[in-house]
Amino acid sequence: MVGFEIRLNGEYVTAAIERGVLTVILTHRNRQGEDEISLNVAGLDLDAGTDTTWLKEERIQEDDEIVIKIKKVEQATTPENKMDLDKELLQRDRVASYYELRSALEKEGLI
């Protein structure tokens, strides 16, 4: 499967999900003149029904080095955290998305 190898100052994690969503989010916030930089590597594993986090680093500093490599992955690093998803909520969201998309396609005359 395709995954991400994320290196942070020489240490790395490998994150991959067979079917779902995989994200690497680097965020900069400035609150009251103070810079806050964070890195989050997480995903939604639709087959396992889990919200998975591999890395959540909230103290990224100036001159830290972050490298993201896209690669074929046989096995991901053991995640820091896994939470079961609310399957009923997911089903309701999927049905709602279907009706929204169907309505938009009907308005455009595509169906």
Foldseek 3Di string as FASTA:
>chain_A
DKWKWKDKQRDTWIDDEPDWDWDWDWDWDADPNDIKIWIWTWIQHPVVQKTFTADTGTHDDPPIDMDIDIDDDPDTDPGPDIDHHDVVVVVVVVVVVVVVVVVVCVVVVND
